[in-house]
Amino acid sequence: MAYIGKPPTPAALTSDDLSDNIVVTGKIADGTITNADITTANADRIAHTKITPPQYASLSALNSSYAASADNHGALAHAHAEGKVYFSHNDGSGSAWHPLANEDAELLAIGALTPTDGNVIVGSGTGSSITWVAESGGTLRTSLGVDEAGTDNSTDVTLASVTDNYLSLSGQAITAGIVPLALGGTGSATASLARSALGLGTSATAAATAYATSTQGTKADNAAALANDQTFTGANRGAITVDNDGSFDLAVTNNFKCTPTANITSSGFTFTNVSAATGQSGNIIFVNGSNYTVSINTSVVKIKSGDATTISATGTYWLSYICDGTLVYVVVSGKLE
């Protein structure tokens, strides 16, 4: 809008300027809206004389000083002690003050907390006095029901009660060298008491002796204590391995049966894995069916002169051997009828 000459002087807005919920004349500039400018008919257009809510010490002070009524419907006021902004609402049955939706007490409590590294927001208090607080360290552990075992968490922890199907511990301290026993055991025990509870004596030496002299027949998966004399009530046999090429692997077994189908002359009659078979002895059933020639690998086998000729003739023979880790010594029987 353009003016010719001096612009008009702004005038205060009056009630005459308001009609049918709109401003029909004048403008809001430097003028001041007063109570006199607002009539009951125009109360819904401007809720109060100021946009900034008037402040009161508490909600009760607000109620006594500025009662919500139909004339003040939609008015705003700030109650200091309550920490909220209220608005007036006449619901037809009486006037009431209501906090704004974004003035929720719990949200205000959380918003008032100072963000700190390591802090966790938890509920504190009981009943109607419960609120939100930020805690860490021992205070937080107490709130969460987690006991502090020590300032550096290095001390032993006592299990008041741990039950997990087959395991039940009660008041047992977790300590290096301690063996907790359950299901018919004796409870918490030192290594010595654990051995005693298991019938193995109280010392490591006694335990070894008890094991070595115990009845091994009831322990199918245990090896015999070979440092002691043994009385075997079950069969103890060395399986017979068929090996027809004349080269016998001592790592496989100690008893063999050899029925050659050709001359044994290429590598000769010999043994393998000799170095690992110190003290091993065994037998060979040798069946020569057609005068197959047998040569001896003398770098491995020691045999009586003429025995190679003997087993090169058709017949059945029994060969015995023993190994010293370097050589294998072989003895040949005569031809068996």
C-alpha atoms as a PDB file:
ATOM      1  CA  MET A   1       0.000   0.000   0.000  1.00  0.00           C
ATOM      2  CA  ALA A   2       1.332   3.492  -0.901  1.00  0.00           C
ATOM      3  CA  TYR A   3       0.672   6.784   0.899  1.00  0.00           C
ATOM      4  CA  ILE A   4       0.628  10.329  -0.470  1.00  0.00           C
ATOM      5  CA  GLY A   5       2.071  12.657   2.060  1.00  0.00           C
ATOM      6  CA  LYS A   6       2.621  11.779   5.737  1.00  0.00           C
ATOM      7  CA  PRO A   7       1.736   8.184   6.752  1.00  0.00           C
ATOM      8  CA  PRO A   8      -1.175   7.825   9.226  1.00  0.00           C
ATOM      9  CA  THR A   9      -0.350   7.515  12.906  1.00  0.00           C
ATOM     10  CA  PRO A  10      -1.031   3.973  14.201  1.00  0.00           C
ATOM     11  CA  ALA A  11      -3.924   3.776  16.623  1.00  0.00           C
ATOM     12  CA  ALA A  12      -4.680   1.258  19.360  1.00  0.00           C
ATOM     13  CA  LEU A  13      -6.896  -1.684  18.376  1.00  0.00           C
ATOM     14  CA  THR A  14     -10.334  -1.462  19.978  1.00  0.00           C
ATOM     15  CA  SER A  15     -13.273  -3.818  20.380  1.00  0.00           C
ATOM     16  CA  ASP A  16     -14.920  -2.073  17.443  1.00  0.00           C
ATOM     17  CA  ASP A  17     -12.146  -3.456  15.248  1.00  0.00           C
ATOM     18  CA  LEU A  18     -13.199  -7.063  15.942  1.00  0.00           C
ATOM     19  CA  SER A  19     -16.192  -8.629  14.209  1.00  0.00           C
ATOM     20  CA  ASP A  20     -17.093 -12.207  13.304  1.00  0.00           C
ATOM     21  CA  ASN A  21     -13.741 -13.596  14.401  1.00  0.00           C
ATOM     22  CA  ILE A  22     -11.692 -11.388  12.061  1.00  0.00           C
ATOM     23  CA  VAL A  23      -9.938  -8.028  12.260  1.00  0.00           C
ATOM     24  CA  VAL A  24     -11.881  -5.784   9.896  1.00  0.00           C
ATOM     25  CA  THR A  25     -10.081  -2.496  10.308  1.00  0.00           C
ATOM     26  CA  GLY A  26      -6.966  -0.976  11.854  1.00  0.00           C
ATOM     27  CA  LYS A  27      -3.749  -2.984  12.433  1.00  0.00           C
ATOM     28  CA  ILE A  28      -1.678  -4.262  15.317  1.00  0.00           C
ATOM     29  CA  ALA A  29       1.419  -2.104  15.368  1.00  0.00           C
ATOM     30  CA  ASP A  30       2.501  -0.068  18.355  1.00  0.00           C
ATOM     31  CA  GLY A  31      -0.936  -0.136  19.978  1.00  0.00           C
ATOM     32  CA  THR A  32      -1.747  -2.075  23.149  1.00  0.00           C
ATOM     33  CA  ILE A  33      -4.698  -4.396  23.554  1.00  0.00           C
ATOM     34  CA  THR A  34      -6.392  -3.789  26.917  1.00  0.00           C
ATOM     35  CA  ASN A  35      -9.235  -5.480  28.768  1.00  0.00           C
ATOM     36  CA  ALA A  36     -11.472  -2.687  27.609  1.00  0.00           C
ATOM     37  CA  ASP A  37     -10.813  -3.716  24.012  1.00  0.00           C
ATOM     38  CA  ILE A  38     -12.163  -7.183  24.593  1.00  0.00           C
ATOM     39  CA  THR A  39     -15.826  -7.952  25.172  1.00  0.00           C
ATOM     40  CA  THR A  40     -17.423 -11.200  26.273  1.00  0.00           C
ATOM     41  CA  ALA A  41     -18.521 -11.771  22.723  1.00  0.00           C
ATOM     42  CA  ASN A  42     -14.923 -11.568  21.562  1.00  0.00           C
ATOM     43  CA  ALA A  43     -13.413 -13.671  24.377  1.00  0.00           C
ATOM     44  CA  ASP A  44     -12.810 -16.663  22.106  1.00  0.00           C
ATOM     45  CA  ARG A  45     -10.794 -14.541  19.697  1.00  0.00           C
ATOM     46  CA  ILE A  46      -8.067 -13.393  22.116  1.00  0.00           C
ATOM     47  CA  ALA A  47      -7.781 -15.606  25.201  1.00  0.00           C
ATOM     48  CA  HIS A  48      -5.931 -13.201  27.463  1.00  0.00           C
ATOM     49  CA  THR A  49      -4.395  -9.757  27.500  1.00  0.00           C
ATOM     50  CA  LYS A  50      -0.888 -11.215  26.942  1.00  0.00           C
ATOM     51  CA  ILE A  51       0.560 -14.113  24.943  1.00  0.00           C
ATOM     52  CA  THR A  52       3.106 -14.913  27.716  1.00  0.00           C
ATOM     53  CA  PRO A  53       1.295 -16.969  30.424  1.00  0.00           C
ATOM     54  CA  PRO A  54       1.006 -15.234  33.801  1.00  0.00           C
ATOM     55  CA  GLN A  55       3.111 -16.972  36.457  1.00  0.00           C
ATOM     56  CA  TYR A  56       1.895 -18.380  39.780  1.00  0.00           C
ATOM     57  CA  ALA A  57       3.706 -20.002  42.690  1.00  0.00           C
ATOM     58  CA  SER A  58       1.662 -23.228  42.461  1.00  0.00           C
ATOM     59  CA  LEU A  59      -1.424 -24.721  40.910  1.00  0.00           C
ATOM     60  CA  SER A  60      -3.458 -23.920  44.026  1.00  0.00           C
ATOM     61  CA  ALA A  61      -2.363 -20.283  43.771  1.00  0.00           C
ATOM     62  CA  LEU A  62      -3.435 -20.292  40.146  1.00  0.00           C
ATOM     63  CA  ASN A  63      -6.842 -21.717  41.090  1.00  0.00           C
ATOM     64  CA  SER A  64      -7.417 -19.139  43.832  1.00  0.00           C
ATOM     65  CA  SER A  65      -6.096 -16.128  41.928  1.00  0.00           C
ATOM     66  CA  TYR A  66      -7.329 -16.844  38.463  1.00  0.00           C
ATOM     67  CA  ALA A  67     -10.242 -19.280  38.366  1.00  0.00           C
ATOM     68  CA  ALA A  68     -10.885 -20.949  35.045  1.00  0.00           C
ATOM     69  CA  SER A  69     -14.266 -20.006  33.771  1.00  0.00           C
ATOM     70  CA  ALA A  70     -16.219 -19.655  30.589  1.00  0.00           C
ATOM     71  CA  ASP A  71     -14.836 -16.110  30.232  1.00  0.00           C
ATOM     72  CA  ASN A  72     -11.260 -17.463  30.471  1.00  0.00           C
ATOM     73  CA  HIS A  73     -11.746 -20.570  28.369  1.00  0.00           C
ATOM     74  CA  GLY A  74      -8.376 -21.386  26.714  1.00  0.00           C
ATOM     75  CA  ALA A  75      -6.323 -19.102  28.981  1.00  0.00           C
ATOM     76  CA  LEU A  76      -2.672 -20.029  29.712  1.00  0.00           C
ATOM     77  CA  ALA A  77      -0.834 -19.755  33.043  1.00  0.00           C
ATOM     78  CA  HIS A  78       2.538 -21.001  34.309  1.00  0.00           C
ATOM     79  CA  ALA A  79       2.625 -22.527  37.818  1.00  0.00           C
ATOM     80  CA  HIS A  80       6.230 -22.272  39.144  1.00  0.00           C
ATOM     81  CA  ALA A  81       6.174 -25.006  41.795  1.00  0.00           C
ATOM     82  CA  GLU A  82       4.425 -27.393  39.405  1.00  0.00           C
ATOM     83  CA  GLY A  83       6.899 -26.598  36.653  1.00  0.00           C
ATOM     84  CA  LYS A  84       4.105 -26.729  34.054  1.00  0.00           C
ATOM     85  CA  VAL A  85       2.097 -24.505  31.757  1.00  0.00           C
ATOM     86  CA  TYR A  86      -1.669 -24.970  32.212  1.00  0.00           C
ATOM     87  CA  PHE A  87      -4.597 -24.053  30.025  1.00  0.00           C
ATOM     88  CA  SER A  88      -8.161 -23.354  31.136  1.00  0.00           C
ATOM     89  CA  HIS A  89     -10.928 -25.569  29.862  1.00  0.00           C
ATOM     90  CA  ASN A  90     -14.612 -25.225  30.784  1.00  0.00           C
ATOM     91  CA  ASP A  91     -16.114 -28.677  30.300  1.00  0.00           C
ATOM     92  CA  GLY A  92     -19.656 -27.599  31.172  1.00  0.00           C
ATOM     93  CA  SER A  93     -19.648 -29.122  34.650  1.00  0.00           C
ATOM     94  CA  GLY A  94     -17.094 -26.760  36.144  1.00  0.00           C
ATOM     95  CA  SER A  95     -13.844 -25.110  35.284  1.00  0.00           C
ATOM     96  CA  ALA A  96     -10.537 -26.956  35.313  1.00  0.00           C
ATOM     97  CA  TRP A  97      -6.868 -26.319  34.639  1.00  0.00           C
ATOM     98  CA  HIS A  98      -5.007 -28.900  32.562  1.00  0.00           C
ATOM     99  CA  PRO A  99      -1.260 -29.276  31.902  1.00  0.00           C
ATOM    100  CA  LEU A 100      -0.145 -29.047  28.294  1.00  0.00           C
ATOM    101  CA  ALA A 101       0.553 -32.454  26.733  1.00  0.00           C
ATOM    102  CA  ASN A 102       4.280 -31.741  26.351  1.00  0.00           C
ATOM    103  CA  GLU A 103       4.595 -30.871  30.052  1.00  0.00           C
ATOM    104  CA  ASP A 104       4.418 -34.515  31.227  1.00  0.00           C
ATOM    105  CA  ALA A 105       6.072 -34.886  34.654  1.00  0.00           C
ATOM    106  CA  GLU A 106       8.090 -37.980  33.697  1.00  0.00           C
ATOM    107  CA  LEU A 107       9.394 -36.389  30.511  1.00  0.00           C
ATOM    108  CA  LEU A 108      10.342 -33.286  32.486  1.00  0.00           C
ATOM    109  CA  ALA A 109      12.224 -35.465  34.996  1.00  0.00           C
ATOM    110  CA  ILE A 110      14.189 -37.197  32.247  1.00  0.00           C
ATOM    111  CA  GLY A 111      14.831 -33.912  30.448  1.00  0.00           C
ATOM    112  CA  ALA A 112      16.246 -32.415  33.652  1.00  0.00           C
ATOM    113  CA  LEU A 113      18.937 -35.149  33.932  1.00  0.00           C
ATOM    114  CA  THR A 114      22.484 -34.175  32.972  1.00  0.00           C
ATOM    115  CA  PRO A 115      23.899 -36.478  30.261  1.00  0.00           C
ATOM    116  CA  THR A 116      26.996 -38.173  31.714  1.00  0.00           C
ATOM    117  CA  ASP A 117      29.205 -40.906  30.263  1.00  0.00           C
ATOM    118  CA  GLY A 118      28.482 -44.222  31.982  1.00  0.00           C
ATOM    119  CA  ASN A 119      25.176 -43.127  33.534  1.00  0.00           C
ATOM    120  CA  VAL A 120      22.011 -45.180  33.056  1.00  0.00           C
ATOM    121  CA  ILE A 121      18.463 -43.854  33.536  1.00  0.00           C
ATOM    122  CA  VAL A 122      16.582 -45.987  36.082  1.00  0.00           C
ATOM    123  CA  GLY A 123      13.435 -45.605  38.160  1.00  0.00           C
ATOM    124  CA  SER A 124      13.974 -44.586  41.784  1.00  0.00           C
ATOM    125  CA  GLY A 125      11.609 -44.377  44.743  1.00  0.00           C
ATOM    126  CA  THR A 126       8.338 -46.103  45.552  1.00  0.00           C
ATOM    127  CA  GLY A 127       4.638 -45.526  44.985  1.00  0.00           C
ATOM    128  CA  SER A 128       3.663 -42.050  43.840  1.00  0.00           C
ATOM    129  CA  SER A 129       7.120 -40.651  44.632  1.00  0.00           C
ATOM    130  CA  ILE A 130       8.930 -42.764  42.046  1.00  0.00           C
ATOM    131  CA  THR A 131      10.828 -40.782  39.433  1.00  0.00           C
ATOM    132  CA  TRP A 132      13.661 -41.111  36.922  1.00  0.00           C
ATOM    133  CA  VAL A 133      17.308 -40.689  37.964  1.00  0.00           C
ATOM    134  CA  ALA A 134      20.702 -41.219  36.317  1.00  0.00           C
ATOM    135  CA  GLU A 135      22.995 -43.669  38.145  1.00  0.00           C
ATOM    136  CA  SER A 136      26.319 -45.456  37.650  1.00  0.00           C
ATOM    137  CA  GLY A 137      28.822 -47.584  39.585  1.00  0.00           C
ATOM    138  CA  GLY A 138      27.811 -49.057  42.909  1.00  0.00           C
ATOM    139  CA  THR A 139      24.569 -47.065  43.068  1.00  0.00           C
ATOM    140  CA  LEU A 140      23.461 -48.538  39.750  1.00  0.00           C
ATOM    141  CA  ARG A 141      24.520 -52.055  40.785  1.00  0.00           C
ATOM    142  CA  THR A 142      22.403 -51.724  43.932  1.00  0.00           C
ATOM    143  CA  SER A 143      19.382 -50.558  41.905  1.00  0.00           C
ATOM    144  CA  LEU A 144      19.818 -53.502  39.526  1.00  0.00           C
ATOM    145  CA  GLY A 145      20.311 -55.986  42.372  1.00  0.00           C
ATOM    146  CA  VAL A 146      23.880 -56.833  41.315  1.00  0.00           C
ATOM    147  CA  ASP A 147      26.193 -57.165  44.321  1.00  0.00           C
ATOM    148  CA  GLU A 148      29.701 -55.778  44.066  1.00  0.00           C
ATOM    149  CA  ALA A 149      32.146 -58.606  44.832  1.00  0.00           C
ATOM    150  CA  GLY A 150      35.079 -56.219  45.343  1.00  0.00           C
ATOM    151  CA  THR A 151      36.434 -52.886  44.182  1.00  0.00           C
ATOM    152  CA  ASP A 152      38.198 -54.643  41.297  1.00  0.00           C
ATOM    153  CA  ASN A 153      35.832 -57.643  41.100  1.00  0.00           C
ATOM    154  CA  SER A 154      38.773 -59.968  41.770  1.00  0.00           C
ATOM    155  CA  THR A 155      37.622 -61.601  45.012  1.00  0.00           C
ATOM    156  CA  ASP A 156      36.040 -65.036  45.193  1.00  0.00           C
ATOM    157  CA  VAL A 157      32.300 -65.198  44.586  1.00  0.00           C
ATOM    158  CA  THR A 158      30.073 -67.418  46.712  1.00  0.00           C
ATOM    159  CA  LEU A 159      27.244 -69.224  45.001  1.00  0.00           C
ATOM    160  CA  ALA A 160      24.263 -69.094  47.334  1.00  0.00           C
ATOM    161  CA  SER A 161      22.363 -71.580  45.238  1.00  0.00           C
ATOM    162  CA  VAL A 162      22.907 -72.814  41.690  1.00  0.00           C
ATOM    163  CA  THR A 163      20.646 -75.551  40.368  1.00  0.00           C
ATOM    164  CA  ASP A 164      20.921 -76.818  36.823  1.00  0.00           C
ATOM    165  CA  ASN A 165      19.266 -80.224  36.357  1.00  0.00           C
ATOM    166  CA  TYR A 166      22.102 -82.459  37.550  1.00  0.00           C
ATOM    167  CA  LEU A 167      24.236 -79.936  39.449  1.00  0.00           C
ATOM    168  CA  SER A 168      23.396 -78.410  42.811  1.00  0.00           C
ATOM    169  CA  LEU A 169      25.895 -76.196  44.656  1.00  0.00           C
ATOM    170  CA  SER A 170      25.112 -74.510  47.968  1.00  0.00           C
ATOM    171  CA  GLY A 171      27.390 -72.006  49.651  1.00  0.00           C
ATOM    172  CA  GLN A 172      30.463 -73.221  47.789  1.00  0.00           C
ATOM    173  CA  ALA A 173      33.276 -70.769  47.185  1.00  0.00           C
ATOM    174  CA  ILE A 174      34.924 -70.746  43.756  1.00  0.00           C
ATOM    175  CA  THR A 175      38.625 -71.107  44.515  1.00  0.00           C
ATOM    176  CA  ALA A 176      41.598 -72.390  42.526  1.00  0.00           C
ATOM    177  CA  GLY A 177      42.176 -76.085  43.278  1.00  0.00           C
ATOM    178  CA  ILE A 178      38.680 -76.653  44.664  1.00  0.00           C
ATOM    179  CA  VAL A 179      36.571 -79.432  43.160  1.00  0.00           C
ATOM    180  CA  PRO A 180      32.820 -79.165  43.856  1.00  0.00           C
ATOM    181  CA  LEU A 181      31.180 -82.594  44.032  1.00  0.00           C
ATOM    182  CA  ALA A 182      27.470 -83.296  43.680  1.00  0.00           C
ATOM    183  CA  LEU A 183      25.119 -86.188  42.991  1.00  0.00           C
ATOM    184  CA  GLY A 184      26.246 -88.353  45.907  1.00  0.00           C
ATOM    185  CA  GLY A 185      29.624 -86.622  46.324  1.00  0.00           C
ATOM    186  CA  THR A 186      30.885 -84.868  49.436  1.00  0.00           C
ATOM    187  CA  GLY A 187      30.270 -81.240  48.483  1.00  0.00           C
ATOM    188  CA  SER A 188      33.093 -78.734  48.108  1.00  0.00           C
ATOM    189  CA  ALA A 189      36.477 -80.408  48.386  1.00  0.00           C
ATOM    190  CA  THR A 190      40.151 -79.728  47.928  1.00  0.00           C
ATOM    191  CA  ALA A 191      42.027 -81.862  45.410  1.00  0.00           C
ATOM    192  CA  SER A 192      43.152 -84.097  48.285  1.00  0.00           C
ATOM    193  CA  LEU A 193      39.608 -84.494  49.654  1.00  0.00           C
ATOM    194  CA  ALA A 194      38.273 -85.091  46.150  1.00  0.00           C
ATOM    195  CA  ARG A 195      40.719 -87.975  45.684  1.00  0.00           C
ATOM    196  CA  SER A 196      39.699 -89.347  49.067  1.00  0.00           C
ATOM    197  CA  ALA A 197      35.996 -89.029  48.201  1.00  0.00           C
ATOM    198  CA  LEU A 198      36.656 -90.963  44.988  1.00  0.00           C
ATOM    199  CA  GLY A 199      38.563 -93.680  46.848  1.00  0.00           C
ATOM    200  CA  LEU A 200      41.961 -92.687  45.443  1.00  0.00           C
ATOM    201  CA  GLY A 201      43.746 -91.783  48.661  1.00  0.00           C
ATOM    202  CA  THR A 202      44.657 -88.314  49.876  1.00  0.00           C
ATOM    203  CA  SER A 203      47.862 -87.712  47.900  1.00  0.00           C
ATOM    204  CA  ALA A 204      48.774 -87.865  44.228  1.00  0.00           C
ATOM    205  CA  THR A 205      51.144 -90.783  44.937  1.00  0.00           C
ATOM    206  CA  ALA A 206      48.477 -92.671  46.854  1.00  0.00           C
ATOM    207  CA  ALA A 207      46.014 -92.030  44.031  1.00  0.00           C
ATOM    208  CA  ALA A 208      48.437 -93.478  41.485  1.00  0.00           C
ATOM    209  CA  THR A 209      48.996 -96.526  43.689  1.00  0.00           C
ATOM    210  CA  ALA A 210      45.268 -97.011  44.235  1.00  0.00           C
ATOM    211  CA  TYR A 211      44.664 -96.857  40.508  1.00  0.00           C
ATOM    212  CA  ALA A 212      47.532 -99.189  39.668  1.00  0.00           C
ATOM    213  CA  THR A 213      46.356-101.826  42.154  1.00  0.00           C
ATOM    214  CA  SER A 214      42.622-101.449  41.508  1.00  0.00           C
ATOM    215  CA  THR A 215      40.561-104.079  39.730  1.00  0.00           C
ATOM    216  CA  GLN A 216      40.845-103.194  36.075  1.00  0.00           C
ATOM    217  CA  GLY A 217      38.233-105.688  34.939  1.00  0.00           C
ATOM    218  CA  THR A 218      35.433-103.284  35.881  1.00  0.00           C
ATOM    219  CA  LYS A 219      36.989-100.439  33.841  1.00  0.00           C
ATOM    220  CA  ALA A 220      36.585-101.553  30.256  1.00  0.00           C
ATOM    221  CA  ASP A 221      38.038 -98.337  28.844  1.00  0.00           C
ATOM    222  CA  ASN A 222      41.121 -98.248  31.093  1.00  0.00           C
ATOM    223  CA  ALA A 223      44.501 -99.656  30.132  1.00  0.00           C
ATOM    224  CA  ALA A 224      46.088-102.209  32.464  1.00  0.00           C
ATOM    225  CA  ALA A 225      48.658-100.857  34.893  1.00  0.00           C
ATOM    226  CA  LEU A 226      51.623-102.485  33.160  1.00  0.00           C
ATOM    227  CA  ALA A 227      54.099-101.562  35.894  1.00  0.00           C
ATOM    228  CA  ASN A 228      52.543-104.316  38.022  1.00  0.00           C
ATOM    229  CA  ASP A 229      52.165-108.046  37.596  1.00  0.00           C
ATOM    230  CA  GLN A 230      48.934-108.838  35.800  1.00  0.00           C
ATOM    231  CA  THR A 231      46.553-111.761  35.997  1.00  0.00           C
ATOM    232  CA  PHE A 232      44.369-111.764  32.923  1.00  0.00           C
ATOM    233  CA  THR A 233      41.024-113.504  33.203  1.00  0.00           C
ATOM    234  CA  GLY A 234      39.984-112.598  29.675  1.00  0.00           C
ATOM    235  CA  ALA A 235      41.538-113.664  26.363  1.00  0.00           C
ATOM    236  CA  ASN A 236      44.635-111.701  25.274  1.00  0.00           C
ATOM    237  CA  ARG A 237      45.537-112.480  21.682  1.00  0.00           C
ATOM    238  CA  GLY A 238      47.536-110.934  18.882  1.00  0.00           C
ATOM    239  CA  ALA A 239      45.564-111.002  15.652  1.00  0.00           C
ATOM    240  CA  ILE A 240      47.059-112.802  12.648  1.00  0.00           C
ATOM    241  CA  THR A 241      47.479-110.469   9.678  1.00  0.00           C
ATOM    242  CA  VAL A 242      47.630-111.930   6.173  1.00  0.00           C
ATOM    243  CA  ASP A 243      50.611-110.524   4.262  1.00  0.00           C
ATOM    244  CA  ASN A 244      51.684-112.495   1.174  1.00  0.00           C
ATOM    245  CA  ASP A 245      54.371-110.219  -0.280  1.00  0.00           C
ATOM    246  CA  GLY A 246      57.032-111.194   2.283  1.00  0.00           C
ATOM    247  CA  SER A 247      57.350-107.645   3.776  1.00  0.00           C
ATOM    248  CA  PHE A 248      55.851-107.511   7.274  1.00  0.00           C
ATOM    249  CA  ASP A 249      54.790-104.196   8.891  1.00  0.00           C
ATOM    250  CA  LEU A 250      55.520-104.415  12.616  1.00  0.00           C
ATOM    251  CA  ALA A 251      53.256-101.399  13.280  1.00  0.00           C
ATOM    252  CA  VAL A 252      50.207-103.420  12.214  1.00  0.00           C
ATOM    253  CA  THR A 253      50.440-106.527  14.411  1.00  0.00           C
ATOM    254  CA  ASN A 254      52.922-109.086  15.683  1.00  0.00           C
ATOM    255  CA  ASN A 255      51.537-112.266  14.097  1.00  0.00           C
ATOM    256  CA  PHE A 256      51.366-112.884  10.349  1.00  0.00           C
ATOM    257  CA  LYS A 257      50.489-115.535   7.760  1.00  0.00           C
ATOM    258  CA  CYS A 258      52.276-115.476   4.410  1.00  0.00           C
ATOM    259  CA  THR A 259      51.290-117.567   1.354  1.00  0.00           C
ATOM    260  CA  PRO A 260      53.430-116.245  -1.510  1.00  0.00           C
ATOM    261  CA  THR A 261      52.132-116.440  -5.093  1.00  0.00           C
ATOM    262  CA  ALA A 262      55.481-115.628  -6.680  1.00  0.00           C
ATOM    263  CA  ASN A 263      59.199-115.542  -5.891  1.00  0.00           C
ATOM    264  CA  ILE A 264      60.125-113.182  -3.025  1.00  0.00           C
ATOM    265  CA  THR A 265      63.276-111.754  -4.571  1.00  0.00           C
ATOM    266  CA  SER A 266      62.741-108.071  -5.427  1.00  0.00           C
ATOM    267  CA  SER A 267      62.903-106.499  -1.940  1.00  0.00           C
ATOM    268  CA  GLY A 268      63.440-109.856  -0.307  1.00  0.00           C
ATOM    269  CA  PHE A 269      62.006-111.271   2.893  1.00  0.00           C
ATOM    270  CA  THR A 270      61.985-108.208   5.244  1.00  0.00           C
ATOM    271  CA  PHE A 271      60.230-106.107   7.933  1.00  0.00           C
ATOM    272  CA  THR A 272      59.159-102.425   8.093  1.00  0.00           C
ATOM    273  CA  ASN A 273      58.709 -99.954  11.022  1.00  0.00           C
ATOM    274  CA  VAL A 274      61.527-101.722  12.805  1.00  0.00           C
ATOM    275  CA  SER A 275      62.815 -98.720  14.769  1.00  0.00           C
ATOM    276  CA  ALA A 276      59.499 -98.311  16.591  1.00  0.00           C
ATOM    277  CA  ALA A 277      59.173-102.018  17.430  1.00  0.00           C
ATOM    278  CA  THR A 278      61.978-102.501  19.960  1.00  0.00           C
ATOM    279  CA  GLY A 279      61.208-105.606  22.017  1.00  0.00           C
ATOM    280  CA  GLN A 280      58.392-106.750  19.780  1.00  0.00           C
ATOM    281  CA  SER A 281      58.246-110.465  19.095  1.00  0.00           C
ATOM    282  CA  GLY A 282      55.890-112.575  17.057  1.00  0.00           C
ATOM    283  CA  ASN A 283      55.297-115.415  14.657  1.00  0.00           C
ATOM    284  CA  ILE A 284      54.844-116.011  10.949  1.00  0.00           C
ATOM    285  CA  ILE A 285      53.052-118.971   9.394  1.00  0.00           C
ATOM    286  CA  PHE A 286      54.850-119.384   6.055  1.00  0.00           C
ATOM    287  CA  VAL A 287      53.150-121.556   3.385  1.00  0.00           C
ATOM    288  CA  ASN A 288      55.199-122.073   0.186  1.00  0.00           C
ATOM    289  CA  GLY A 289      52.897-123.771  -2.304  1.00  0.00           C
ATOM    290  CA  SER A 290      55.162-124.115  -5.346  1.00  0.00           C
ATOM    291  CA  ASN A 291      58.871-123.913  -4.590  1.00  0.00           C
ATOM    292  CA  TYR A 292      58.825-120.093  -4.706  1.00  0.00           C
ATOM    293  CA  THR A 293      62.344-118.737  -4.177  1.00  0.00           C
ATOM    294  CA  VAL A 294      62.833-116.669  -1.041  1.00  0.00           C
ATOM    295  CA  SER A 295      65.704-114.144  -0.808  1.00  0.00           C
ATOM    296  CA  ILE A 296      66.555-112.503   2.550  1.00  0.00           C
ATOM    297  CA  ASN A 297      67.018-108.734   3.011  1.00  0.00           C
ATOM    298  CA  THR A 298      70.107-109.108   5.190  1.00  0.00           C
ATOM    299  CA  SER A 299      70.241-105.373   6.043  1.00  0.00           C
ATOM    300  CA  VAL A 300      67.129-105.907   8.150  1.00  0.00           C
ATOM    301  CA  VAL A 301      66.840-109.669   8.810  1.00  0.00           C
ATOM    302  CA  LYS A 302      69.215-111.984  10.643  1.00  0.00           C
ATOM    303  CA  ILE A 303      68.524-115.683   9.879  1.00  0.00           C
ATOM    304  CA  LYS A 304      70.426-118.985  10.154  1.00  0.00           C
ATOM    305  CA  SER A 305      72.461-119.851   7.068  1.00  0.00           C
ATOM    306  CA  GLY A 306      70.522-122.279   4.907  1.00  0.00           C
ATOM    307  CA  ASP A 307      67.094-121.334   6.325  1.00  0.00           C
ATOM    308  CA  ALA A 308      66.289-119.272   3.199  1.00  0.00           C
ATOM    309  CA  THR A 309      66.839-122.409   1.135  1.00  0.00           C
ATOM    310  CA  THR A 310      64.656-124.382   3.529  1.00  0.00           C
ATOM    311  CA  ILE A 311      61.588-122.116   3.167  1.00  0.00           C
ATOM    312  CA  SER A 312      62.098-121.881  -0.618  1.00  0.00           C
ATOM    313  CA  ALA A 313      60.957-125.486  -0.897  1.00  0.00           C
ATOM    314  CA  THR A 314      57.286-126.361  -1.021  1.00  0.00           C
ATOM    315  CA  GLY A 315      55.885-126.802   2.473  1.00  0.00           C
ATOM    316  CA  THR A 316      54.493-125.123   5.613  1.00  0.00           C
ATOM    317  CA  TYR A 317      56.891-123.526   8.118  1.00  0.00           C
ATOM    318  CA  TRP A 318      56.702-121.683  11.443  1.00  0.00           C
ATOM    319  CA  LEU A 319      58.973-118.635  11.759  1.00  0.00           C
ATOM    320  CA  SER A 320      59.532-116.854  15.097  1.00  0.00           C
ATOM    321  CA  TYR A 321      61.115-113.400  15.357  1.00  0.00           C
ATOM    322  CA  ILE A 322      62.143-110.689  17.829  1.00  0.00           C
ATOM    323  CA  CYS A 323      63.093-107.073  17.070  1.00  0.00           C
ATOM    324  CA  ASP A 324      65.751-104.933  18.822  1.00  0.00           C
ATOM    325  CA  GLY A 325      64.775-101.708  17.046  1.00  0.00           C
ATOM    326  CA  THR A 326      67.496-102.105  14.400  1.00  0.00           C
ATOM    327  CA  LEU A 327      67.345-105.712  13.209  1.00  0.00           C
ATOM    328  CA  VAL A 328      64.798-108.518  13.290  1.00  0.00           C
ATOM    329  CA  TYR A 329      66.089-111.960  14.318  1.00  0.00           C
ATOM    330  CA  VAL A 330      64.260-114.892  12.689  1.00  0.00           C
ATOM    331  CA  VAL A 331      64.277-118.606  13.512  1.00  0.00           C
ATOM    332  CA  VAL A 332      62.815-121.148  11.068  1.00  0.00           C
ATOM    333  CA  SER A 333      61.296-124.470  12.069  1.00  0.00           C
ATOM    334  CA  GLY A 334      61.688-127.487   9.926  1.00  0.00           C
ATOM    335  CA  LYS A 335      59.035-128.385   7.397  1.00  0.00           C
ATOM    336  CA  LEU A 336      55.827-129.146   9.211  1.00  0.00           C
ATOM    337  CA  GLU A 337      54.062-132.351   8.178  1.00  0.00           C
END
